[in-house]
Amino acid sequence: MLAAFFLLVAGAVLPFLMMIGVIESTFFLNFFSYTASAAGLFIGILGIAMYVGKTKKQDNMHDYWDEDDHR
């Protein structure tokens, strides 16, 4: 998720720097910033989904064992 964060930040900062004229706008830099933003979004959503799935699975296992203790 940390890599996704840096990709999203790069995808937002690079176009801003190109817009204010700090760095020159080239086709490669435009393509890279778009790709970084899209990849960061995809990796971030995938990472969050995997984290939530793992957490729910662990919670379900705890609930299963807690039910057996009460019988």
C-alpha atoms as a PDB file:
ATOM      1  CA  MET A   1       0.000   0.000   0.000  1.00  0.00           C
ATOM      2  CA  LEU A   2       2.992   2.256   0.520  1.00  0.00           C
ATOM      3  CA  ALA A   3       4.020   1.838  -3.123  1.00  0.00           C
ATOM      4  CA  ALA A   4       0.466   2.691  -4.177  1.00  0.00           C
ATOM      5  CA  PHE A   5       0.618   5.865  -2.109  1.00  0.00           C
ATOM      6  CA  PHE A   6       3.853   7.006  -3.746  1.00  0.00           C
ATOM      7  CA  LEU A   7       2.531   6.221  -7.216  1.00  0.00           C
ATOM      8  CA  LEU A   8      -0.629   8.222  -6.561  1.00  0.00           C
ATOM      9  CA  VAL A   9       1.382  11.149  -5.222  1.00  0.00           C
ATOM     10  CA  ALA A  10       3.681  11.049  -8.259  1.00  0.00           C
ATOM     11  CA  GLY A  11       0.645  10.910 -10.529  1.00  0.00           C
ATOM     12  CA  ALA A  12      -0.705  14.071  -8.906  1.00  0.00           C
ATOM     13  CA  VAL A  13       2.498  16.073  -8.369  1.00  0.00           C
ATOM     14  CA  LEU A  14       4.052  15.582 -11.809  1.00  0.00           C
ATOM     15  CA  PRO A  15       1.148  17.118 -13.769  1.00  0.00           C
ATOM     16  CA  PHE A  16       1.037  19.994 -11.292  1.00  0.00           C
ATOM     17  CA  LEU A  17       4.753  20.679 -11.785  1.00  0.00           C
ATOM     18  CA  MET A  18       4.272  20.516 -15.551  1.00  0.00           C
ATOM     19  CA  MET A  19       1.344  22.907 -15.353  1.00  0.00           C
ATOM     20  CA  ILE A  20       3.216  25.584 -13.395  1.00  0.00           C
ATOM     21  CA  GLY A  21       6.269  25.213 -15.646  1.00  0.00           C
ATOM     22  CA  VAL A  22       8.798  23.770 -13.213  1.00  0.00           C
ATOM     23  CA  ILE A  23       9.436  20.754 -15.446  1.00  0.00           C
ATOM     24  CA  GLU A  24       8.938  20.480 -19.186  1.00  0.00           C
ATOM     25  CA  SER A  25       5.880  18.596 -20.376  1.00  0.00           C
ATOM     26  CA  THR A  26       6.908  15.693 -22.600  1.00  0.00           C
ATOM     27  CA  PHE A  27       4.940  12.770 -23.985  1.00  0.00           C
ATOM     28  CA  PHE A  28       6.888  10.305 -21.840  1.00  0.00           C
ATOM     29  CA  LEU A  29       6.354  12.314 -18.649  1.00  0.00           C
ATOM     30  CA  ASN A  30       2.644  12.726 -19.382  1.00  0.00           C
ATOM     31  CA  PHE A  31       2.301   8.994 -20.064  1.00  0.00           C
ATOM     32  CA  PHE A  32       4.327   8.114 -16.947  1.00  0.00           C
ATOM     33  CA  SER A  33       2.260  10.337 -14.662  1.00  0.00           C
ATOM     34  CA  TYR A  34      -1.001   8.890 -15.987  1.00  0.00           C
ATOM     35  CA  THR A  35       0.301   5.326 -15.660  1.00  0.00           C
ATOM     36  CA  ALA A  36       1.617   5.982 -12.150  1.00  0.00           C
ATOM     37  CA  SER A  37      -1.720   7.389 -11.062  1.00  0.00           C
ATOM     38  CA  ALA A  38      -3.720   4.496 -12.538  1.00  0.00           C
ATOM     39  CA  ALA A  39      -1.325   1.858 -11.193  1.00  0.00           C
ATOM     40  CA  GLY A  40      -1.317   3.460  -7.741  1.00  0.00           C
ATOM     41  CA  LEU A  41      -5.095   3.473  -7.644  1.00  0.00           C
ATOM     42  CA  PHE A  42      -5.305  -0.161  -8.756  1.00  0.00           C
ATOM     43  CA  ILE A  43      -2.610  -1.379  -6.344  1.00  0.00           C
ATOM     44  CA  GLY A  44      -4.144   0.619  -3.489  1.00  0.00           C
ATOM     45  CA  ILE A  45      -7.618  -0.808  -4.004  1.00  0.00           C
ATOM     46  CA  LEU A  46      -6.170  -4.315  -4.329  1.00  0.00           C
ATOM     47  CA  GLY A  47      -4.114  -3.873  -1.158  1.00  0.00           C
ATOM     48  CA  ILE A  48      -7.060  -2.575   0.846  1.00  0.00           C
ATOM     49  CA  ALA A  49      -9.284  -5.400  -0.384  1.00  0.00           C
ATOM     50  CA  MET A  50      -6.690  -7.999   0.580  1.00  0.00           C
ATOM     51  CA  TYR A  51      -6.221  -6.401   4.006  1.00  0.00           C
ATOM     52  CA  VAL A  52      -9.970  -6.342   4.678  1.00  0.00           C
ATOM     53  CA  GLY A  53     -10.345  -9.943   3.491  1.00  0.00           C
ATOM     54  CA  LYS A  54      -7.532 -11.110   5.749  1.00  0.00           C
ATOM     55  CA  THR A  55      -8.960  -9.227   8.729  1.00  0.00           C
ATOM     56  CA  LYS A  56     -12.473 -10.628   8.176  1.00  0.00           C
ATOM     57  CA  LYS A  57     -11.074 -14.150   7.868  1.00  0.00           C
ATOM     58  CA  GLN A  58      -9.206 -13.772  11.156  1.00  0.00           C
ATOM     59  CA  ASP A  59     -12.325 -12.387  12.853  1.00  0.00           C
ATOM     60  CA  ASN A  60     -14.393 -15.317  11.571  1.00  0.00           C
ATOM     61  CA  MET A  61     -11.863 -17.781  12.965  1.00  0.00           C
ATOM     62  CA  HIS A  62     -11.982 -16.071  16.363  1.00  0.00           C
ATOM     63  CA  ASP A  63     -15.785 -16.164  16.319  1.00  0.00           C
ATOM     64  CA  TYR A  64     -15.720 -19.877  15.444  1.00  0.00           C
ATOM     65  CA  TRP A  65     -13.471 -20.742  18.355  1.00  0.00           C
ATOM     66  CA  ASP A  66     -15.389 -18.497  20.756  1.00  0.00           C
ATOM     67  CA  GLU A  67     -18.657 -20.326  19.931  1.00  0.00           C
ATOM     68  CA  ASP A  68     -17.094 -23.695  20.816  1.00  0.00           C
ATOM     69  CA  ASP A  69     -16.016 -22.394  24.225  1.00  0.00           C
ATOM     70  CA  HIS A  70     -19.628 -21.632  25.190  1.00  0.00           C
ATOM     71  CA  ARG A  71     -21.020 -25.102  24.481  1.00  0.00           C
END
